[in-house]
Amino acid sequence: MNQRRVSGLAAIAAFVLSSLGPVRADEVLSFHFVTNSSSLQSLEVGDREGHLLRLNRRSGVAIFPDGSVGASQYAATNDYINGVGAYVAYCNISLSDGSALWFKVAGSTKMEEAATLFPATQVVVLRGTGRFEGATGEGTFKGQLMPLALGANLYADVEINLKK
């Protein structure tokens, strides 16, 4: 190729790449979230039967579709009347490569027989490190807790649309 043609192609390539702007990689992060309650504090509100404020600490695992597993921590506050009401949870997962992701889950529960259900509620990414560095995004958290007591297991499916 002649010098003129090469420099012309280089100029076109530079123009195309610069017009694209910064590249943003999106990733849908899906995992099963399984935690066990290690600490539970309750305060009976007293305004009606079954009205409790609770502080709950949980730990467990996040299981990814490729079979990898990350450690998870979870702390939540609940305002429940007979197991139904609002909750806010702060969660994190830590992967074996040193990456970590912190996210918030907020929503409300409903009871179905002996299970406390968490219908698809909102997840908001708070921050990340390693492969999640600079990540933002939102998603859903859907699961169940059975029974509503210390030592109970929480099973949830989490899907987050990560933006980096």
N, C-alpha and C. Protein backbone atom coordinates (compact mmCIF):
# COMPACT_ATOMS: atom_id res chain seq x y z
N MET A 1 0.84 -1.18 0.00
CA MET A 1 0.00 0.00 0.00
C MET A 1 0.89 1.24 0.00
N ASN A 2 0.41 2.26 -0.65
CA ASN A 2 1.23 3.46 -0.64
C ASN A 2 0.99 4.28 0.62
N GLN A 3 1.97 5.15 0.92
CA GLN A 3 1.96 5.94 2.15
C GLN A 3 0.70 6.80 2.25
N ARG A 4 0.28 7.36 1.14
CA ARG A 4 -0.88 8.26 1.12
C ARG A 4 -2.15 7.50 1.49
N ARG A 5 -2.32 6.31 0.97
CA ARG A 5 -3.51 5.50 1.24
C ARG A 5 -3.54 5.07 2.71
N VAL A 6 -2.39 4.67 3.27
CA VAL A 6 -2.29 4.25 4.67
C VAL A 6 -2.65 5.41 5.60
N SER A 7 -2.11 6.59 5.33
CA SER A 7 -2.42 7.72 6.20
C SER A 7 -3.88 8.13 6.06
N GLY A 8 -4.47 7.98 4.89
CA GLY A 8 -5.89 8.27 4.71
C GLY A 8 -6.77 7.31 5.50
N LEU A 9 -6.43 6.01 5.47
CA LEU A 9 -7.17 5.01 6.25
C LEU A 9 -7.01 5.26 7.74
N ALA A 10 -5.83 5.63 8.17
CA ALA A 10 -5.58 5.94 9.58
C ALA A 10 -6.42 7.13 10.03
N ALA A 11 -6.53 8.14 9.18
CA ALA A 11 -7.33 9.32 9.51
C ALA A 11 -8.81 8.96 9.63
N ILE A 12 -9.29 8.12 8.71
CA ILE A 12 -10.70 7.69 8.77
C ILE A 12 -10.95 6.88 10.04
N ALA A 13 -10.05 5.96 10.37
CA ALA A 13 -10.20 5.14 11.57
C ALA A 13 -10.19 6.02 12.82
N ALA A 14 -9.29 6.99 12.88
CA ALA A 14 -9.23 7.89 14.05
C ALA A 14 -10.52 8.68 14.18
N PHE A 15 -11.07 9.16 13.04
CA PHE A 15 -12.32 9.91 13.08
C PHE A 15 -13.47 9.05 13.59
N VAL A 16 -13.59 7.82 13.07
CA VAL A 16 -14.67 6.92 13.48
C VAL A 16 -14.57 6.61 14.97
N LEU A 17 -13.38 6.27 15.45
CA LEU A 17 -13.20 5.94 16.87
C LEU A 17 -13.47 7.13 17.77
N SER A 18 -13.05 8.33 17.36
CA SER A 18 -13.27 9.50 18.21
C SER A 18 -14.74 9.90 18.24
N SER A 19 -15.48 9.62 17.19
CA SER A 19 -16.90 9.99 17.15
C SER A 19 -17.77 9.06 17.99
N LEU A 20 -17.24 7.89 18.34
CA LEU A 20 -18.01 6.96 19.15
C LEU A 20 -18.15 7.42 20.59
N GLY A 21 -17.21 8.24 21.07
CA GLY A 21 -17.23 8.68 22.46
C GLY A 21 -16.77 7.56 23.36
N PRO A 22 -16.89 7.77 24.69
CA PRO A 22 -16.44 6.73 25.60
C PRO A 22 -17.30 5.48 25.47
N VAL A 23 -16.67 4.34 25.52
CA VAL A 23 -17.39 3.08 25.39
C VAL A 23 -17.89 2.66 26.76
N ARG A 24 -19.17 2.31 26.87
CA ARG A 24 -19.76 1.86 28.12
C ARG A 24 -20.15 0.40 27.95
N ALA A 25 -19.61 -0.43 28.83
CA ALA A 25 -19.92 -1.86 28.76
C ALA A 25 -21.06 -2.16 29.71
N ASP A 26 -22.11 -2.75 29.22
CA ASP A 26 -23.21 -3.18 30.08
C ASP A 26 -23.11 -4.68 30.28
N GLU A 27 -23.47 -5.10 31.48
CA GLU A 27 -23.44 -6.52 31.82
C GLU A 27 -24.65 -6.81 32.68
N VAL A 28 -25.36 -7.87 32.36
CA VAL A 28 -26.44 -8.32 33.22
C VAL A 28 -25.84 -9.34 34.18
N LEU A 29 -25.84 -9.00 35.45
CA LEU A 29 -25.28 -9.86 36.48
C LEU A 29 -26.44 -10.56 37.18
N SER A 30 -26.49 -11.88 37.04
CA SER A 30 -27.56 -12.68 37.65
C SER A 30 -26.93 -13.67 38.60
N PHE A 31 -27.56 -13.84 39.76
CA PHE A 31 -27.07 -14.83 40.71
C PHE A 31 -28.16 -15.21 41.70
N HIS A 32 -27.98 -16.39 42.30
CA HIS A 32 -28.84 -16.83 43.40
C HIS A 32 -28.17 -16.35 44.68
N PHE A 33 -28.99 -15.86 45.58
CA PHE A 33 -28.50 -15.28 46.84
C PHE A 33 -29.08 -16.14 47.95
N VAL A 34 -28.23 -16.81 48.72
CA VAL A 34 -28.69 -17.67 49.80
C VAL A 34 -27.99 -17.21 51.07
N THR A 35 -28.77 -16.76 52.05
CA THR A 35 -28.19 -16.28 53.30
C THR A 35 -28.91 -16.88 54.49
N ASN A 36 -28.20 -16.85 55.61
CA ASN A 36 -28.74 -17.36 56.87
C ASN A 36 -28.65 -16.25 57.90
N SER A 37 -29.70 -16.11 58.69
CA SER A 37 -29.75 -15.07 59.71
C SER A 37 -28.82 -15.41 60.87
N SER A 38 -27.84 -14.54 61.12
CA SER A 38 -26.90 -14.76 62.22
C SER A 38 -27.17 -13.86 63.41
N SER A 39 -27.96 -12.81 63.20
CA SER A 39 -28.30 -11.90 64.29
C SER A 39 -29.66 -11.28 63.99
N LEU A 40 -30.51 -11.26 64.98
CA LEU A 40 -31.84 -10.70 64.80
C LEU A 40 -32.26 -9.99 66.08
N GLN A 41 -32.54 -8.71 65.97
CA GLN A 41 -33.04 -7.94 67.10
C GLN A 41 -34.42 -7.42 66.74
N SER A 42 -35.35 -7.53 67.67
CA SER A 42 -36.72 -7.09 67.43
C SER A 42 -37.18 -6.16 68.53
N LEU A 43 -38.02 -5.23 68.16
CA LEU A 43 -38.65 -4.32 69.12
C LEU A 43 -40.14 -4.31 68.82
N GLU A 44 -40.95 -4.70 69.80
CA GLU A 44 -42.40 -4.65 69.63
C GLU A 44 -42.84 -3.20 69.72
N VAL A 45 -43.50 -2.71 68.67
CA VAL A 45 -43.91 -1.31 68.61
C VAL A 45 -45.03 -1.04 69.62
N GLY A 46 -45.99 -1.95 69.73
CA GLY A 46 -47.04 -1.82 70.73
C GLY A 46 -48.31 -1.15 70.27
N ASP A 47 -48.33 -0.59 69.07
CA ASP A 47 -49.54 0.08 68.61
C ASP A 47 -50.60 -0.91 68.14
N ARG A 48 -50.18 -2.11 67.76
CA ARG A 48 -51.11 -3.17 67.37
C ARG A 48 -50.40 -4.51 67.48
N GLU A 49 -51.15 -5.55 67.54
CA GLU A 49 -50.62 -6.91 67.67
C GLU A 49 -49.75 -7.25 66.47
N GLY A 50 -48.56 -7.77 66.71
CA GLY A 50 -47.69 -8.24 65.64
C GLY A 50 -46.85 -7.18 64.94
N HIS A 51 -46.85 -5.93 65.44
CA HIS A 51 -46.06 -4.87 64.80
C HIS A 51 -44.66 -4.87 65.40
N LEU A 52 -43.66 -5.22 64.57
CA LEU A 52 -42.28 -5.32 65.02
C LEU A 52 -41.36 -4.49 64.14
N LEU A 53 -40.38 -3.86 64.78
CA LEU A 53 -39.24 -3.29 64.08
C LEU A 53 -38.11 -4.27 64.28
N ARG A 54 -37.36 -4.56 63.21
CA ARG A 54 -36.32 -5.58 63.33
C ARG A 54 -35.03 -5.11 62.66
N LEU A 55 -33.93 -5.58 63.22
CA LEU A 55 -32.61 -5.40 62.62
C LEU A 55 -32.04 -6.80 62.44
N ASN A 56 -31.69 -7.13 61.22
CA ASN A 56 -31.31 -8.49 60.87
C ASN A 56 -29.96 -8.49 60.16
N ARG A 57 -29.06 -9.34 60.58
CA ARG A 57 -27.77 -9.51 59.90
C ARG A 57 -27.73 -10.93 59.35
N ARG A 58 -27.28 -11.04 58.09
CA ARG A 58 -27.26 -12.33 57.41
C ARG A 58 -25.93 -12.50 56.70
N SER A 59 -25.53 -13.74 56.50
CA SER A 59 -24.36 -14.04 55.68
C SER A 59 -24.66 -15.30 54.89
N GLY A 60 -23.93 -15.45 53.79
CA GLY A 60 -24.17 -16.61 52.94
C GLY A 60 -23.36 -16.56 51.68
N VAL A 61 -23.98 -16.98 50.58
CA VAL A 61 -23.29 -17.06 49.30
C VAL A 61 -24.14 -16.50 48.17
N ALA A 62 -23.42 -16.04 47.14
CA ALA A 62 -24.03 -15.68 45.87
C ALA A 62 -23.53 -16.72 44.87
N ILE A 63 -24.45 -17.39 44.20
CA ILE A 63 -24.11 -18.48 43.29
C ILE A 63 -24.42 -18.02 41.86
N PHE A 64 -23.39 -18.01 41.02
CA PHE A 64 -23.50 -17.50 39.66
C PHE A 64 -23.77 -18.62 38.66
N PRO A 65 -24.36 -18.29 37.50
CA PRO A 65 -24.69 -19.31 36.51
C PRO A 65 -23.51 -20.16 36.05
N ASP A 66 -22.29 -19.60 36.08
CA ASP A 66 -21.12 -20.38 35.65
C ASP A 66 -20.60 -21.31 36.74
N GLY A 67 -21.29 -21.33 37.90
CA GLY A 67 -20.90 -22.20 39.00
C GLY A 67 -19.99 -21.53 40.02
N SER A 68 -19.51 -20.32 39.73
CA SER A 68 -18.67 -19.63 40.71
C SER A 68 -19.52 -19.15 41.88
N VAL A 69 -18.87 -18.98 43.01
CA VAL A 69 -19.56 -18.62 44.25
C VAL A 69 -18.83 -17.45 44.89
N GLY A 70 -19.58 -16.51 45.44
CA GLY A 70 -19.01 -15.39 46.18
C GLY A 70 -19.61 -15.35 47.57
N ALA A 71 -18.83 -14.86 48.52
CA ALA A 71 -19.34 -14.68 49.89
C ALA A 71 -20.26 -13.47 49.91
N SER A 72 -21.29 -13.52 50.75
CA SER A 72 -22.22 -12.40 50.83
C SER A 72 -22.49 -12.01 52.28
N GLN A 73 -22.74 -10.74 52.45
CA GLN A 73 -23.16 -10.17 53.74
C GLN A 73 -24.41 -9.34 53.47
N TYR A 74 -25.26 -9.22 54.49
CA TYR A 74 -26.57 -8.58 54.29
C TYR A 74 -27.00 -8.03 55.64
N ALA A 75 -27.40 -6.79 55.69
CA ALA A 75 -27.97 -6.20 56.90
C ALA A 75 -29.27 -5.51 56.50
N ALA A 76 -30.33 -5.75 57.27
CA ALA A 76 -31.63 -5.21 56.89
C ALA A 76 -32.38 -4.65 58.09
N THR A 77 -33.21 -3.67 57.82
CA THR A 77 -34.18 -3.20 58.80
C THR A 77 -35.56 -3.53 58.24
N ASN A 78 -36.46 -3.91 59.13
CA ASN A 78 -37.82 -4.28 58.73
C ASN A 78 -38.82 -3.56 59.62
N ASP A 79 -39.92 -3.17 59.05
CA ASP A 79 -41.07 -2.64 59.79
C ASP A 79 -42.25 -3.51 59.37
N TYR A 80 -42.49 -4.58 60.16
CA TYR A 80 -43.46 -5.60 59.78
C TYR A 80 -44.63 -5.64 60.74
N ILE A 81 -45.79 -5.90 60.17
CA ILE A 81 -46.98 -6.25 60.95
C ILE A 81 -47.35 -7.66 60.52
N ASN A 82 -47.16 -8.61 61.44
CA ASN A 82 -47.39 -10.02 61.15
C ASN A 82 -46.65 -10.49 59.90
N GLY A 83 -45.40 -10.06 59.76
CA GLY A 83 -44.55 -10.51 58.66
C GLY A 83 -44.70 -9.76 57.35
N VAL A 84 -45.57 -8.76 57.32
CA VAL A 84 -45.81 -7.99 56.11
C VAL A 84 -45.40 -6.55 56.34
N GLY A 85 -44.64 -5.98 55.40
CA GLY A 85 -44.27 -4.58 55.55
C GLY A 85 -43.04 -4.22 54.74
N ALA A 86 -42.46 -3.09 55.10
CA ALA A 86 -41.34 -2.52 54.36
C ALA A 86 -40.00 -3.01 54.92
N TYR A 87 -39.02 -3.11 54.02
CA TYR A 87 -37.66 -3.44 54.44
C TYR A 87 -36.66 -2.69 53.58
N VAL A 88 -35.50 -2.48 54.14
CA VAL A 88 -34.35 -1.94 53.42
C VAL A 88 -33.17 -2.81 53.79
N ALA A 89 -32.42 -3.26 52.80
CA ALA A 89 -31.27 -4.12 53.05
C ALA A 89 -30.05 -3.58 52.30
N TYR A 90 -28.91 -3.68 52.95
CA TYR A 90 -27.63 -3.34 52.33
C TYR A 90 -26.86 -4.64 52.20
N CYS A 91 -26.43 -4.96 51.00
CA CYS A 91 -25.81 -6.25 50.71
C CYS A 91 -24.47 -6.04 50.03
N ASN A 92 -23.60 -7.04 50.18
CA ASN A 92 -22.38 -7.06 49.38
C ASN A 92 -22.03 -8.49 49.05
N ILE A 93 -21.32 -8.62 47.93
CA ILE A 93 -20.78 -9.92 47.54
C ILE A 93 -19.29 -9.73 47.28
N SER A 94 -18.50 -10.70 47.67
CA SER A 94 -17.05 -10.69 47.46
C SER A 94 -16.67 -11.94 46.68
N LEU A 95 -15.96 -11.74 45.58
CA LEU A 95 -15.56 -12.85 44.72
C LEU A 95 -14.11 -13.25 45.00
N SER A 96 -13.76 -14.45 44.59
CA SER A 96 -12.42 -14.97 44.86
C SER A 96 -11.32 -14.18 44.15
N ASP A 97 -11.66 -13.43 43.08
CA ASP A 97 -10.65 -12.62 42.40
C ASP A 97 -10.40 -11.28 43.10
N GLY A 98 -11.07 -11.06 44.25
CA GLY A 98 -10.91 -9.82 45.01
C GLY A 98 -11.94 -8.76 44.67
N SER A 99 -12.76 -8.98 43.67
CA SER A 99 -13.81 -8.02 43.30
C SER A 99 -14.92 -8.05 44.34
N ALA A 100 -15.56 -6.90 44.52
CA ALA A 100 -16.69 -6.81 45.45
C ALA A 100 -17.74 -5.86 44.87
N LEU A 101 -19.00 -6.11 45.23
CA LEU A 101 -20.11 -5.28 44.78
C LEU A 101 -21.03 -5.03 45.95
N TRP A 102 -21.35 -3.75 46.20
CA TRP A 102 -22.28 -3.35 47.25
C TRP A 102 -23.56 -2.85 46.60
N PHE A 103 -24.71 -3.28 47.13
CA PHE A 103 -25.98 -2.84 46.58
C PHE A 103 -27.04 -2.74 47.67
N LYS A 104 -28.07 -1.97 47.38
CA LYS A 104 -29.18 -1.73 48.31
C LYS A 104 -30.43 -2.35 47.71
N VAL A 105 -31.22 -2.98 48.57
CA VAL A 105 -32.51 -3.55 48.16
C VAL A 105 -33.58 -2.91 49.04
N ALA A 106 -34.64 -2.43 48.43
CA ALA A 106 -35.73 -1.82 49.20
C ALA A 106 -37.06 -2.27 48.61
N GLY A 107 -38.00 -2.58 49.49
CA GLY A 107 -39.30 -3.00 49.02
C GLY A 107 -40.22 -3.37 50.15
N SER A 108 -41.17 -4.21 49.83
CA SER A 108 -42.10 -4.67 50.85
C SER A 108 -42.32 -6.17 50.69
N THR A 109 -42.75 -6.78 51.77
CA THR A 109 -42.97 -8.22 51.78
C THR A 109 -44.45 -8.55 51.83
N LYS A 110 -44.74 -9.79 51.56
CA LYS A 110 -46.09 -10.31 51.77
C LYS A 110 -45.97 -11.73 52.29
N MET A 111 -46.97 -12.19 52.98
CA MET A 111 -46.96 -13.54 53.54
C MET A 111 -47.76 -14.47 52.64
N GLU A 112 -47.24 -15.69 52.51
CA GLU A 112 -47.97 -16.74 51.81
C GLU A 112 -47.73 -18.02 52.62
N GLU A 113 -48.77 -18.42 53.34
CA GLU A 113 -48.67 -19.53 54.28
C GLU A 113 -47.56 -19.21 55.29
N ALA A 114 -46.53 -20.03 55.43
CA ALA A 114 -45.49 -19.77 56.42
C ALA A 114 -44.29 -19.02 55.85
N ALA A 115 -44.33 -18.63 54.57
CA ALA A 115 -43.20 -17.98 53.93
C ALA A 115 -43.41 -16.48 53.81
N THR A 116 -42.33 -15.73 54.06
CA THR A 116 -42.32 -14.30 53.79
C THR A 116 -41.77 -14.14 52.38
N LEU A 117 -42.54 -13.55 51.50
CA LEU A 117 -42.15 -13.40 50.11
C LEU A 117 -41.63 -11.99 49.84
N PHE A 118 -40.59 -11.93 49.03
CA PHE A 118 -40.02 -10.67 48.57
C PHE A 118 -40.30 -10.60 47.08
N PRO A 119 -41.42 -9.97 46.69
CA PRO A 119 -41.71 -9.86 45.26
C PRO A 119 -40.59 -9.05 44.60
N ALA A 120 -40.53 -9.07 43.29
CA ALA A 120 -39.47 -8.35 42.57
C ALA A 120 -39.38 -6.91 43.07
N THR A 121 -38.34 -6.64 43.83
CA THR A 121 -38.14 -5.31 44.40
C THR A 121 -36.87 -4.69 43.82
N GLN A 122 -36.70 -3.41 44.05
CA GLN A 122 -35.63 -2.67 43.41
C GLN A 122 -34.27 -2.87 44.07
N VAL A 123 -33.27 -3.08 43.24
CA VAL A 123 -31.87 -3.14 43.64
C VAL A 123 -31.17 -1.93 43.03
N VAL A 124 -30.33 -1.25 43.82
CA VAL A 124 -29.53 -0.14 43.33
C VAL A 124 -28.08 -0.41 43.70
N VAL A 125 -27.19 -0.37 42.72
CA VAL A 125 -25.77 -0.58 42.96
C VAL A 125 -25.20 0.65 43.68
N LEU A 126 -24.46 0.40 44.76
CA LEU A 126 -23.85 1.48 45.53
C LEU A 126 -22.40 1.72 45.11
N ARG A 127 -21.62 0.64 44.94
CA ARG A 127 -20.23 0.77 44.50
C ARG A 127 -19.66 -0.61 44.22
N GLY A 128 -18.49 -0.62 43.60
CA GLY A 128 -17.82 -1.88 43.32
C GLY A 128 -16.32 -1.71 43.32
N THR A 129 -15.62 -2.84 43.43
CA THR A 129 -14.17 -2.85 43.31
C THR A 129 -13.79 -3.98 42.35
N GLY A 130 -12.53 -3.98 41.91
CA GLY A 130 -12.08 -5.02 40.99
C GLY A 130 -12.86 -4.96 39.69
N ARG A 131 -13.39 -6.08 39.26
CA ARG A 131 -14.12 -6.10 37.99
C ARG A 131 -15.40 -5.26 38.01
N PHE A 132 -15.84 -4.85 39.22
CA PHE A 132 -17.03 -4.00 39.35
C PHE A 132 -16.67 -2.53 39.59
N GLU A 133 -15.39 -2.18 39.49
CA GLU A 133 -14.94 -0.81 39.73
C GLU A 133 -15.72 0.16 38.86
N GLY A 134 -16.27 1.20 39.47
CA GLY A 134 -17.01 2.22 38.74
C GLY A 134 -18.41 1.81 38.30
N ALA A 135 -18.86 0.63 38.69
CA ALA A 135 -20.17 0.13 38.25
C ALA A 135 -21.31 0.91 38.91
N THR A 136 -22.35 1.11 38.14
CA THR A 136 -23.63 1.63 38.62
C THR A 136 -24.68 0.69 38.06
N GLY A 137 -25.92 0.90 38.44
CA GLY A 137 -26.97 0.10 37.84
C GLY A 137 -28.10 -0.19 38.79
N GLU A 138 -29.11 -0.82 38.23
CA GLU A 138 -30.31 -1.19 38.97
C GLU A 138 -30.73 -2.58 38.56
N GLY A 139 -31.60 -3.16 39.37
CA GLY A 139 -32.09 -4.48 39.04
C GLY A 139 -33.22 -4.91 39.93
N THR A 140 -33.39 -6.24 40.05
CA THR A 140 -34.47 -6.78 40.85
C THR A 140 -33.96 -7.85 41.81
N PHE A 141 -34.68 -8.01 42.89
CA PHE A 141 -34.41 -8.98 43.95
C PHE A 141 -35.74 -9.65 44.23
N LYS A 142 -35.81 -10.96 44.07
CA LYS A 142 -37.06 -11.68 44.27
C LYS A 142 -36.75 -12.97 45.02
N GLY A 143 -37.47 -13.20 46.13
CA GLY A 143 -37.18 -14.41 46.88
C GLY A 143 -38.15 -14.68 48.00
N GLN A 144 -37.70 -15.55 48.92
CA GLN A 144 -38.54 -15.90 50.07
C GLN A 144 -37.69 -16.23 51.28
N LEU A 145 -38.27 -16.01 52.43
CA LEU A 145 -37.66 -16.29 53.72
C LEU A 145 -38.60 -17.22 54.46
N MET A 146 -38.03 -18.28 55.03
CA MET A 146 -38.90 -19.24 55.71
C MET A 146 -38.13 -19.93 56.82
N PRO A 147 -38.58 -19.87 58.03
CA PRO A 147 -39.62 -19.01 58.61
C PRO A 147 -39.04 -17.64 58.94
N LEU A 148 -39.85 -16.73 59.41
CA LEU A 148 -39.42 -15.40 59.79
C LEU A 148 -38.86 -15.49 61.22
N ALA A 149 -37.60 -15.94 61.34
CA ALA A 149 -37.00 -16.18 62.66
C ALA A 149 -35.48 -16.22 62.55
N LEU A 150 -34.81 -16.14 63.67
CA LEU A 150 -33.36 -16.27 63.72
C LEU A 150 -32.98 -17.64 63.16
N GLY A 151 -31.96 -17.66 62.31
CA GLY A 151 -31.52 -18.91 61.71
C GLY A 151 -32.21 -19.24 60.40
N ALA A 152 -33.21 -18.46 60.03
CA ALA A 152 -33.96 -18.73 58.80
C ALA A 152 -33.12 -18.45 57.57
N ASN A 153 -33.35 -19.22 56.53
CA ASN A 153 -32.66 -19.03 55.27
C ASN A 153 -33.47 -18.12 54.35
N LEU A 154 -32.76 -17.24 53.67
CA LEU A 154 -33.35 -16.39 52.65
C LEU A 154 -32.82 -16.87 51.30
N TYR A 155 -33.73 -17.16 50.39
CA TYR A 155 -33.39 -17.58 49.04
C TYR A 155 -33.90 -16.50 48.10
N ALA A 156 -33.01 -15.97 47.25
CA ALA A 156 -33.44 -14.92 46.33
C ALA A 156 -32.72 -15.05 45.00
N ASP A 157 -33.37 -14.57 43.96
CA ASP A 157 -32.76 -14.43 42.65
C ASP A 157 -32.53 -12.93 42.44
N VAL A 158 -31.32 -12.58 42.09
CA VAL A 158 -30.94 -11.18 41.89
C VAL A 158 -30.51 -11.02 40.44
N GLU A 159 -30.98 -9.96 39.81
CA GLU A 159 -30.55 -9.60 38.46
C GLU A 159 -30.28 -8.11 38.45
N ILE A 160 -29.05 -7.75 38.07
CA ILE A 160 -28.65 -6.35 38.07
C ILE A 160 -28.10 -6.00 36.70
N ASN A 161 -28.59 -4.90 36.13
CA ASN A 161 -28.03 -4.39 34.89
C ASN A 161 -26.90 -3.44 35.28
N LEU A 162 -25.66 -3.94 35.17
CA LEU A 162 -24.48 -3.15 35.54
C LEU A 162 -24.08 -2.26 34.38
N LYS A 163 -23.77 -1.03 34.71
CA LYS A 163 -23.20 -0.09 33.74
C LYS A 163 -21.83 0.29 34.26
N LYS A 164 -20.85 0.21 33.42
CA LYS A 164 -19.47 0.51 33.84
C LYS A 164 -18.96 1.73 33.09
